[in-house]
N, C-alpha and C. Protein backbone atom coordinates (compact mmCIF):
# COMPACT_ATOMS: atom_id res chain seq x y z
N UNK A 1 0.83 -1.19 0.00
CA UNK A 1 0.00 0.00 0.00
C UNK A 1 0.87 1.24 0.00
N UNK A 2 0.38 2.31 -0.54
CA UNK A 2 1.17 3.53 -0.65
C UNK A 2 1.35 4.20 0.72
N UNK A 3 0.39 4.03 1.64
CA UNK A 3 0.51 4.66 2.95
C UNK A 3 1.63 4.01 3.75
N UNK A 4 1.92 2.72 3.52
CA UNK A 4 3.01 2.06 4.22
C UNK A 4 4.36 2.59 3.77
N UNK A 5 4.43 3.03 2.54
CA UNK A 5 5.69 3.54 2.03
C UNK A 5 5.99 4.93 2.58
N UNK A 6 4.96 5.70 2.83
CA UNK A 6 5.17 7.05 3.31
C UNK A 6 5.48 7.07 4.81
N UNK A 7 4.75 6.28 5.59
CA UNK A 7 4.91 6.29 7.04
C UNK A 7 6.17 5.55 7.46
N UNK A 8 6.77 6.03 8.51
CA UNK A 8 7.95 5.36 9.02
C UNK A 8 7.61 4.37 10.13
N UNK A 9 6.40 4.43 10.68
CA UNK A 9 5.98 3.47 11.68
C UNK A 9 4.58 2.96 11.33
N UNK A 10 4.21 1.87 11.94
CA UNK A 10 2.98 1.19 11.58
C UNK A 10 1.78 1.87 12.19
N UNK A 11 0.74 2.12 11.37
CA UNK A 11 -0.52 2.70 11.83
C UNK A 11 -1.60 1.67 11.53
N UNK A 12 -2.44 1.29 12.51
CA UNK A 12 -3.48 0.29 12.24
C UNK A 12 -4.50 0.80 11.24
N UNK A 13 -4.92 -0.09 10.35
CA UNK A 13 -5.94 0.26 9.35
C UNK A 13 -7.28 0.42 10.03
N UNK A 14 -8.20 1.12 9.36
CA UNK A 14 -9.53 1.27 9.88
C UNK A 14 -10.36 0.00 9.66
N UNK A 15 -9.82 -0.91 8.85
CA UNK A 15 -10.56 -2.12 8.52
C UNK A 15 -10.56 -3.12 9.66
N UNK A 16 -9.76 -2.90 10.68
CA UNK A 16 -9.82 -3.79 11.82
C UNK A 16 -8.58 -4.64 12.00
N UNK A 17 -7.47 -4.32 11.35
CA UNK A 17 -6.23 -5.04 11.62
C UNK A 17 -5.76 -4.67 13.00
N UNK A 18 -5.75 -5.61 13.91
CA UNK A 18 -5.35 -5.33 15.28
C UNK A 18 -3.99 -5.93 15.60
N UNK A 19 -3.19 -6.13 14.60
CA UNK A 19 -1.85 -6.65 14.84
C UNK A 19 -1.00 -5.54 15.45
N UNK A 20 -0.24 -5.91 16.44
CA UNK A 20 0.64 -4.92 17.06
C UNK A 20 2.05 -5.10 16.53
N UNK A 21 2.70 -3.98 16.30
CA UNK A 21 4.07 -4.01 15.79
C UNK A 21 5.00 -4.38 16.94
N UNK A 22 5.87 -5.30 16.70
CA UNK A 22 6.85 -5.69 17.72
C UNK A 22 8.05 -4.77 17.62
N UNK A 23 8.57 -4.40 18.77
CA UNK A 23 9.73 -3.54 18.83
C UNK A 23 10.97 -4.38 18.59
N UNK A 24 11.44 -4.44 17.35
CA UNK A 24 12.59 -5.25 17.01
C UNK A 24 13.83 -4.37 17.10
N UNK A 25 14.81 -4.77 17.92
CA UNK A 25 16.02 -3.96 18.01
C UNK A 25 16.78 -3.98 16.69
N UNK A 26 17.42 -2.87 16.39
CA UNK A 26 18.20 -2.78 15.17
C UNK A 26 19.44 -3.66 15.28
N UNK A 27 19.81 -4.25 14.18
CA UNK A 27 21.01 -5.09 14.17
C UNK A 27 22.22 -4.21 13.90
N UNK A 28 23.33 -4.58 14.46
CA UNK A 28 24.56 -3.84 14.24
C UNK A 28 24.60 -2.60 15.12
N UNK A 29 25.45 -1.65 14.71
CA UNK A 29 25.59 -0.42 15.48
C UNK A 29 24.39 0.50 15.23
N UNK A 30 23.92 1.11 16.30
CA UNK A 30 22.86 2.09 16.15
C UNK A 30 23.49 3.46 16.01
N UNK A 31 22.96 4.23 15.10
CA UNK A 31 23.44 5.60 14.95
C UNK A 31 22.82 6.45 16.05
N UNK A 32 23.40 7.61 16.25
CA UNK A 32 22.89 8.52 17.26
C UNK A 32 21.46 8.94 16.93
N UNK A 33 21.19 9.16 15.64
CA UNK A 33 19.85 9.55 15.22
C UNK A 33 18.84 8.44 15.54
N UNK A 34 19.23 7.19 15.33
CA UNK A 34 18.34 6.06 15.61
C UNK A 34 18.07 5.95 17.10
N UNK A 35 19.10 6.17 17.93
CA UNK A 35 18.91 6.12 19.38
C UNK A 35 17.96 7.24 19.83
N UNK A 36 18.17 8.44 19.29
CA UNK A 36 17.31 9.55 19.67
C UNK A 36 15.87 9.32 19.22
N UNK A 37 15.73 8.75 18.02
CA UNK A 37 14.39 8.46 17.51
C UNK A 37 13.68 7.46 18.42
N UNK A 38 14.40 6.45 18.85
CA UNK A 38 13.83 5.44 19.73
C UNK A 38 13.43 6.06 21.08
N UNK A 39 14.28 6.94 21.64
CA UNK A 39 13.97 7.61 22.89
C UNK A 39 12.74 8.52 22.76
N UNK A 40 12.66 9.26 21.64
CA UNK A 40 11.51 10.13 21.43
C UNK A 40 10.22 9.34 21.28
N UNK A 41 10.28 8.23 20.55
CA UNK A 41 9.09 7.41 20.40
C UNK A 41 8.65 6.84 21.74
N UNK A 42 9.61 6.46 22.57
CA UNK A 42 9.29 5.95 23.90
C UNK A 42 8.63 7.04 24.75
N UNK A 43 9.15 8.28 24.67
CA UNK A 43 8.57 9.38 25.43
C UNK A 43 7.18 9.74 24.92
N UNK A 44 7.00 9.74 23.61
CA UNK A 44 5.74 10.17 23.03
C UNK A 44 4.68 9.07 23.07
N UNK A 45 5.05 7.86 23.45
CA UNK A 45 4.08 6.78 23.55
C UNK A 45 3.07 7.08 24.67
N UNK A 46 3.52 7.73 25.74
CA UNK A 46 2.65 8.08 26.86
C UNK A 46 2.85 9.56 27.19
N UNK A 47 2.18 10.47 26.45
CA UNK A 47 2.40 11.90 26.68
C UNK A 47 1.86 12.39 28.03
N UNK A 48 0.92 11.66 28.62
CA UNK A 48 0.37 12.09 29.91
C UNK A 48 1.31 11.79 31.06
N UNK A 49 2.27 10.92 30.85
CA UNK A 49 3.22 10.54 31.89
C UNK A 49 4.25 11.67 32.09
N UNK A 50 4.51 11.99 33.35
CA UNK A 50 5.48 13.04 33.65
C UNK A 50 6.89 12.54 33.40
N UNK A 51 7.72 13.41 32.87
CA UNK A 51 9.10 13.07 32.59
C UNK A 51 9.98 13.88 33.52
N UNK A 52 10.86 13.22 34.23
CA UNK A 52 11.78 13.93 35.11
C UNK A 52 13.11 14.10 34.40
N UNK A 53 13.58 15.31 34.41
CA UNK A 53 14.86 15.61 33.78
C UNK A 53 15.83 15.93 34.89
N UNK A 54 16.85 15.15 35.01
CA UNK A 54 17.82 15.36 36.07
C UNK A 54 18.73 16.52 35.70
N UNK A 55 18.98 17.36 36.68
CA UNK A 55 19.86 18.51 36.46
C UNK A 55 21.31 18.04 36.39
N UNK A 56 22.16 18.97 36.07
CA UNK A 56 23.57 18.62 36.00
C UNK A 56 24.07 18.33 37.42
N UNK A 57 24.76 17.26 37.54
CA UNK A 57 25.28 16.88 38.85
C UNK A 57 26.67 17.49 39.04
N UNK A 58 26.86 18.05 40.21
CA UNK A 58 28.15 18.67 40.49
C UNK A 58 29.15 17.57 40.86
N UNK A 59 30.34 17.72 40.37
CA UNK A 59 31.38 16.73 40.64
C UNK A 59 31.74 16.79 42.11
N UNK A 60 31.84 15.64 42.70
CA UNK A 60 32.20 15.51 44.09
C UNK A 60 33.40 14.57 44.18
N UNK A 61 34.47 14.97 44.83
CA UNK A 61 35.64 14.09 44.88
C UNK A 61 35.39 12.90 45.81
N UNK A 62 36.05 11.82 45.50
CA UNK A 62 35.95 10.66 46.38
C UNK A 62 36.79 10.91 47.63
N UNK A 63 36.48 10.18 48.66
CA UNK A 63 37.25 10.32 49.90
C UNK A 63 38.68 9.84 49.69
N UNK A 64 39.62 10.40 50.43
CA UNK A 64 41.00 9.94 50.27
C UNK A 64 41.12 8.50 50.76
N UNK A 65 42.00 7.73 50.13
CA UNK A 65 42.15 6.34 50.55
C UNK A 65 42.71 6.25 51.97
N UNK A 66 42.21 5.26 52.70
CA UNK A 66 42.70 5.08 54.07
C UNK A 66 44.10 4.48 54.09
N UNK A 67 44.33 3.62 53.13
CA UNK A 67 45.63 2.96 53.08
C UNK A 67 46.18 3.11 51.67
N UNK A 68 47.34 3.74 51.55
CA UNK A 68 47.98 3.91 50.25
C UNK A 68 49.05 2.85 50.12
N UNK A 69 48.90 1.97 49.15
CA UNK A 69 49.83 0.86 48.99
C UNK A 69 51.16 1.31 48.40
N UNK A 70 51.06 2.16 47.40
CA UNK A 70 52.28 2.53 46.68
C UNK A 70 52.75 3.88 47.20
N UNK A 71 53.52 3.84 48.23
CA UNK A 71 53.96 5.07 48.87
C UNK A 71 55.29 5.57 48.33
N UNK A 72 56.00 4.74 47.58
CA UNK A 72 57.35 5.13 47.17
C UNK A 72 57.32 6.22 46.10
N UNK A 73 56.39 6.13 45.16
CA UNK A 73 56.25 7.19 44.15
C UNK A 73 57.48 7.33 43.29
N UNK A 74 57.96 8.51 43.19
CA UNK A 74 59.11 8.77 42.31
C UNK A 74 60.42 8.75 43.08
N UNK A 75 60.41 8.18 44.25
CA UNK A 75 61.64 8.14 45.04
C UNK A 75 62.62 7.11 44.45
N UNK A 76 63.78 7.00 45.05
CA UNK A 76 64.88 6.22 44.47
C UNK A 76 64.58 4.73 44.38
N UNK A 77 63.84 4.15 45.31
CA UNK A 77 63.63 2.71 45.30
C UNK A 77 62.47 2.24 44.45
N UNK A 78 61.73 3.16 43.84
CA UNK A 78 60.54 2.76 43.09
C UNK A 78 60.91 2.29 41.71
N UNK A 79 60.17 1.30 41.25
CA UNK A 79 60.36 0.84 39.88
C UNK A 79 59.56 1.72 38.92
N UNK A 80 59.79 1.52 37.64
CA UNK A 80 59.12 2.35 36.65
C UNK A 80 57.62 2.11 36.63
N UNK A 81 57.20 0.88 37.01
CA UNK A 81 55.76 0.60 36.99
C UNK A 81 55.02 1.30 38.13
N UNK A 82 55.72 1.61 39.22
CA UNK A 82 55.08 2.22 40.38
C UNK A 82 54.85 3.72 40.16
N UNK A 83 55.69 4.32 39.32
CA UNK A 83 55.59 5.76 39.12
C UNK A 83 54.22 6.17 38.57
N UNK A 84 53.66 5.39 37.64
CA UNK A 84 52.38 5.72 37.03
C UNK A 84 51.26 5.66 38.06
N UNK A 85 51.36 4.69 38.95
CA UNK A 85 50.36 4.57 40.02
C UNK A 85 50.47 5.78 40.95
N UNK A 86 51.70 6.12 41.29
CA UNK A 86 51.93 7.27 42.16
C UNK A 86 51.39 8.55 41.51
N UNK A 87 51.67 8.71 40.23
CA UNK A 87 51.23 9.90 39.51
C UNK A 87 49.70 9.99 39.50
N UNK A 88 49.05 8.84 39.28
CA UNK A 88 47.59 8.82 39.28
C UNK A 88 47.02 9.19 40.65
N UNK A 89 47.58 8.60 41.72
CA UNK A 89 47.11 8.91 43.07
C UNK A 89 47.36 10.38 43.41
N UNK A 90 48.52 10.87 43.00
CA UNK A 90 48.85 12.27 43.28
C UNK A 90 47.90 13.20 42.55
N UNK A 91 47.60 12.87 41.29
CA UNK A 91 46.67 13.69 40.51
C UNK A 91 45.29 13.71 41.15
N UNK A 92 44.80 12.56 41.58
CA UNK A 92 43.50 12.50 42.24
C UNK A 92 43.47 13.34 43.52
N UNK A 93 44.54 13.24 44.28
CA UNK A 93 44.61 14.00 45.53
C UNK A 93 44.68 15.50 45.26
N UNK A 94 45.44 15.89 44.23
CA UNK A 94 45.52 17.31 43.88
C UNK A 94 44.14 17.85 43.45
N UNK A 95 43.41 17.07 42.64
CA UNK A 95 42.06 17.47 42.23
C UNK A 95 41.14 17.60 43.44
N UNK A 96 41.27 16.67 44.38
CA UNK A 96 40.44 16.69 45.58
C UNK A 96 40.75 17.93 46.42
N UNK A 97 42.05 18.23 46.58
CA UNK A 97 42.46 19.41 47.36
C UNK A 97 41.97 20.71 46.69
N UNK A 98 42.10 20.76 45.35
CA UNK A 98 41.62 21.94 44.61
C UNK A 98 40.12 22.12 44.80
N UNK A 99 39.38 21.01 44.74
CA UNK A 99 37.93 21.08 44.91
C UNK A 99 37.57 21.56 46.31
N UNK A 100 38.28 21.07 47.31
CA UNK A 100 38.01 21.47 48.70
C UNK A 100 38.26 22.97 48.86
N UNK A 101 39.38 23.46 48.31
CA UNK A 101 39.70 24.89 48.42
C UNK A 101 38.66 25.74 47.68
N UNK A 102 38.27 25.30 46.48
CA UNK A 102 37.29 26.05 45.70
C UNK A 102 35.92 26.05 46.41
N UNK A 103 35.56 24.91 46.97
CA UNK A 103 34.30 24.79 47.70
C UNK A 103 34.30 25.71 48.93
N UNK A 104 35.41 25.75 49.64
CA UNK A 104 35.53 26.62 50.82
C UNK A 104 35.45 28.09 50.40
N UNK A 105 36.08 28.43 49.27
CA UNK A 105 36.03 29.80 48.78
C UNK A 105 34.60 30.19 48.41
N UNK A 106 33.88 29.28 47.73
CA UNK A 106 32.49 29.55 47.38
C UNK A 106 31.63 29.75 48.62
N UNK A 107 31.84 28.93 49.62
CA UNK A 107 31.08 29.06 50.87
C UNK A 107 31.38 30.40 51.55
N UNK A 108 32.64 30.80 51.54
CA UNK A 108 33.03 32.07 52.14
C UNK A 108 32.38 33.24 51.40
N UNK A 109 32.40 33.18 50.05
CA UNK A 109 31.75 34.23 49.26
C UNK A 109 30.25 34.28 49.54
N UNK A 110 29.63 33.13 49.65
CA UNK A 110 28.20 33.06 49.93
C UNK A 110 27.90 33.65 51.32
N UNK A 111 28.77 33.33 52.28
CA UNK A 111 28.59 33.85 53.64
C UNK A 111 28.72 35.38 53.65
N UNK A 112 29.72 35.92 52.95
CA UNK A 112 29.90 37.36 52.86
C UNK A 112 28.69 38.02 52.19
N UNK A 113 28.20 37.39 51.14
CA UNK A 113 27.03 37.92 50.44
C UNK A 113 25.83 37.98 51.37
N UNK A 114 25.60 36.92 52.11
CA UNK A 114 24.46 36.89 53.05
C UNK A 114 24.61 37.97 54.12
N UNK A 115 25.85 38.16 54.62
CA UNK A 115 26.07 39.20 55.63
C UNK A 115 25.79 40.59 55.06
N UNK A 116 26.29 40.87 53.85
CA UNK A 116 26.03 42.16 53.21
C UNK A 116 24.54 42.35 52.96
N UNK A 117 23.90 41.29 52.51
CA UNK A 117 22.46 41.35 52.21
C UNK A 117 21.66 41.64 53.49
N UNK A 118 22.00 40.94 54.56
CA UNK A 118 21.30 41.16 55.83
C UNK A 118 21.53 42.57 56.36
N UNK A 119 22.77 43.07 56.21
CA UNK A 119 23.07 44.44 56.65
C UNK A 119 22.27 45.44 55.83
N UNK A 120 22.22 45.25 54.51
CA UNK A 120 21.45 46.15 53.65
C UNK A 120 19.97 46.09 53.98
N UNK A 121 19.45 44.90 54.25
CA UNK A 121 18.04 44.77 54.63
C UNK A 121 17.76 45.48 55.95
N UNK A 122 18.69 45.38 56.90
CA UNK A 122 18.50 46.05 58.19
C UNK A 122 18.50 47.56 58.01
N UNK A 123 19.41 48.09 57.19
CA UNK A 123 19.46 49.53 56.94
C UNK A 123 18.17 49.98 56.26
N UNK A 124 17.73 49.22 55.26
CA UNK A 124 16.51 49.57 54.55
C UNK A 124 15.30 49.51 55.49
N UNK A 125 15.27 48.53 56.36
CA UNK A 125 14.16 48.40 57.31
C UNK A 125 14.15 49.58 58.30
N UNK A 126 15.35 49.98 58.76
CA UNK A 126 15.40 51.11 59.70
C UNK A 126 14.95 52.39 59.02
N UNK A 127 15.36 52.61 57.76
CA UNK A 127 14.92 53.79 57.03
C UNK A 127 13.41 53.77 56.84
N UNK A 128 12.89 52.61 56.49
CA UNK A 128 11.45 52.48 56.28
C UNK A 128 10.70 52.75 57.58
N UNK A 129 11.20 52.21 58.69
CA UNK A 129 10.55 52.43 59.99
C UNK A 129 10.58 53.92 60.36
N UNK A 130 11.69 54.57 60.11
CA UNK A 130 11.82 55.99 60.42
C UNK A 130 10.82 56.82 59.60
N UNK A 131 10.74 56.53 58.31
CA UNK A 131 9.80 57.24 57.45
C UNK A 131 8.35 56.92 57.83
N UNK A 132 8.10 55.68 58.21
CA UNK A 132 6.75 55.28 58.64
C UNK A 132 6.34 56.07 59.88
N UNK A 133 7.28 56.19 60.84
CA UNK A 133 7.00 56.94 62.07
C UNK A 133 6.74 58.41 61.75
N UNK A 134 7.50 58.96 60.82
CA UNK A 134 7.32 60.35 60.43
C UNK A 134 5.94 60.56 59.79
N UNK A 135 5.56 59.63 58.93
CA UNK A 135 4.23 59.72 58.31
C UNK A 135 3.13 59.64 59.37
N UNK A 136 3.30 58.73 60.33
CA UNK A 136 2.30 58.57 61.40
C UNK A 136 2.19 59.86 62.22
N UNK A 137 3.34 60.47 62.58
CA UNK A 137 3.32 61.72 63.34
C UNK A 137 2.60 62.81 62.55
N UNK A 138 2.91 62.91 61.26
CA UNK A 138 2.29 63.92 60.41
C UNK A 138 0.79 63.69 60.33
N UNK A 139 0.38 62.45 60.20
CA UNK A 139 -1.03 62.10 60.12
C UNK A 139 -1.75 62.45 61.42
N UNK A 140 -1.12 62.13 62.56
CA UNK A 140 -1.72 62.45 63.85
C UNK A 140 -1.82 63.96 64.03
N UNK A 141 -0.80 64.69 63.61
CA UNK A 141 -0.80 66.15 63.73
C UNK A 141 -1.94 66.74 62.89
N UNK A 142 -2.10 66.23 61.66
CA UNK A 142 -3.18 66.71 60.81
C UNK A 142 -4.53 66.37 61.42
N UNK A 143 -4.64 65.18 62.01
CA UNK A 143 -5.89 64.76 62.62
C UNK A 143 -6.23 65.65 63.81
N UNK A 144 -5.22 65.97 64.65
CA UNK A 144 -5.42 66.87 65.80
C UNK A 144 -5.82 68.26 65.32
N UNK A 145 -5.13 68.74 64.28
CA UNK A 145 -5.39 70.07 63.77
C UNK A 145 -6.80 70.14 63.18
N UNK A 146 -7.21 69.10 62.49
CA UNK A 146 -8.55 69.07 61.92
C UNK A 146 -9.59 69.05 63.05
N UNK A 147 -9.30 68.35 64.13
CA UNK A 147 -10.21 68.27 65.27
C UNK A 147 -10.35 69.64 65.93
N UNK A 148 -9.21 70.32 66.16
CA UNK A 148 -9.26 71.65 66.79
C UNK A 148 -9.92 72.65 65.85
N UNK A 149 -9.71 72.53 64.54
CA UNK A 149 -10.37 73.41 63.57
C UNK A 149 -11.87 73.21 63.60
N UNK A 150 -12.32 71.96 63.70
CA UNK A 150 -13.75 71.67 63.77
C UNK A 150 -14.35 72.28 65.04
N UNK A 151 -13.66 72.14 66.17
CA UNK A 151 -14.15 72.70 67.43
C UNK A 151 -14.18 74.22 67.35
N UNK A 152 -13.13 74.80 66.81
CA UNK A 152 -13.06 76.26 66.66
C UNK A 152 -14.10 76.77 65.68
N UNK A 153 -14.32 76.02 64.61
CA UNK A 153 -15.30 76.40 63.59
C UNK A 153 -16.71 76.36 64.17
N UNK A 154 -16.99 75.33 64.99
CA UNK A 154 -18.30 75.22 65.63
C UNK A 154 -18.51 76.38 66.61
N UNK A 155 -17.46 76.71 67.36
CA UNK A 155 -17.55 77.84 68.30
C UNK A 155 -17.78 79.13 67.53
N UNK A 156 -17.09 79.31 66.41
CA UNK A 156 -17.23 80.51 65.59
C UNK A 156 -18.63 80.59 65.00
N UNK A 157 -19.19 79.44 64.59
CA UNK A 157 -20.55 79.40 64.06
C UNK A 157 -21.56 79.84 65.11
N UNK A 158 -21.35 79.32 66.31
CA UNK A 158 -22.29 79.67 67.37
C UNK A 158 -22.22 81.17 67.69
N UNK A 159 -21.01 81.76 67.64
CA UNK A 159 -20.86 83.20 67.88
C UNK A 159 -21.53 83.99 66.77
N UNK A 160 -21.31 83.60 65.52
CA UNK A 160 -21.90 84.34 64.41
C UNK A 160 -23.40 84.18 64.36
N UNK A 161 -23.90 83.03 64.75
CA UNK A 161 -25.35 82.84 64.76
C UNK A 161 -26.00 83.70 65.83
N UNK A 162 -25.36 83.86 66.98
CA UNK A 162 -25.91 84.72 68.03
C UNK A 162 -25.84 86.19 67.61
N UNK A 163 -24.77 86.58 66.87
CA UNK A 163 -24.64 87.94 66.36
C UNK A 163 -25.73 88.23 65.35
N UNK A 164 -26.00 87.29 64.47
CA UNK A 164 -27.01 87.50 63.45
C UNK A 164 -28.40 87.62 64.06
N UNK A 165 -28.64 86.88 65.14
CA UNK A 165 -29.91 86.98 65.83
C UNK A 165 -30.07 88.38 66.42
N UNK A 166 -28.97 88.91 66.97
CA UNK A 166 -29.00 90.26 67.55
C UNK A 166 -29.25 91.30 66.47
N UNK A 167 -28.63 91.15 65.31
CA UNK A 167 -28.77 92.08 64.20
C UNK A 167 -30.20 92.08 63.67
N UNK A 168 -30.83 90.93 63.66
CA UNK A 168 -32.19 90.84 63.14
C UNK A 168 -33.17 91.57 64.05
N UNK A 169 -32.89 91.59 65.34
CA UNK A 169 -33.75 92.28 66.29
C UNK A 169 -33.58 93.79 66.14
N UNK A 170 -32.37 94.22 65.92
CA UNK A 170 -32.12 95.63 65.69
C UNK A 170 -32.46 95.88 64.23
N UNK A 171 -32.61 96.97 63.79
CA UNK A 171 -32.89 97.22 62.40
C UNK A 171 -31.63 97.40 61.61
N UNK A 172 -31.70 97.06 60.37
CA UNK A 172 -30.54 97.25 59.50
C UNK A 172 -30.62 98.63 58.90
N UNK A 173 -29.52 99.24 58.78
CA UNK A 173 -29.49 100.56 58.15
C UNK A 173 -29.27 100.35 56.69
N UNK A 174 -30.23 100.74 55.93
CA UNK A 174 -30.15 100.60 54.47
C UNK A 174 -30.36 102.00 53.90
N UNK A 175 -29.56 102.37 52.94
CA UNK A 175 -29.70 103.70 52.34
C UNK A 175 -31.01 103.73 51.56
N UNK A 176 -31.77 104.70 51.83
CA UNK A 176 -33.04 104.86 51.15
C UNK A 176 -34.15 104.05 51.77
N UNK A 177 -33.88 103.40 52.88
CA UNK A 177 -34.91 102.57 53.51
C UNK A 177 -35.20 103.10 54.90
N UNK A 178 -35.91 102.40 55.67
CA UNK A 178 -36.27 102.79 57.03
C UNK A 178 -35.18 102.60 58.02
């Protein structure tokens, strides 16, 4: 069929062929593209399944050996076969020491950063508290002033209302009037 030639994987016909394709491993060496294709097909077979992607793992040195067999190294009594072992052990130990120093330096930098950050946060918090207190004082002062203005305004109203009552009893002097 022409559809089989176009497709790269088997699709069941609508006529009711229920044969399942068997996953036959490729013979010989697999190319990188074939491996990736197989991995993608495996992932896409169940799209609802969650896929966990592991992050990059940081290199961690192994612990130093408790007992070093080849201690002679490049000294006078060592044979030529021992030197390579010594060199390998020395290289591993140097890498381990470098990692320890670098790790300690990173921790120190992180500690300094946290101290600076905490100091900056404390300064910012104190400034904020000071400004907050100033705003509160200003608000209270305005509230007190508004209260005294209201009391004074009410007293002034009562004085003016009593004056107007007195004026109404007396006659107003109007030019051309009584």
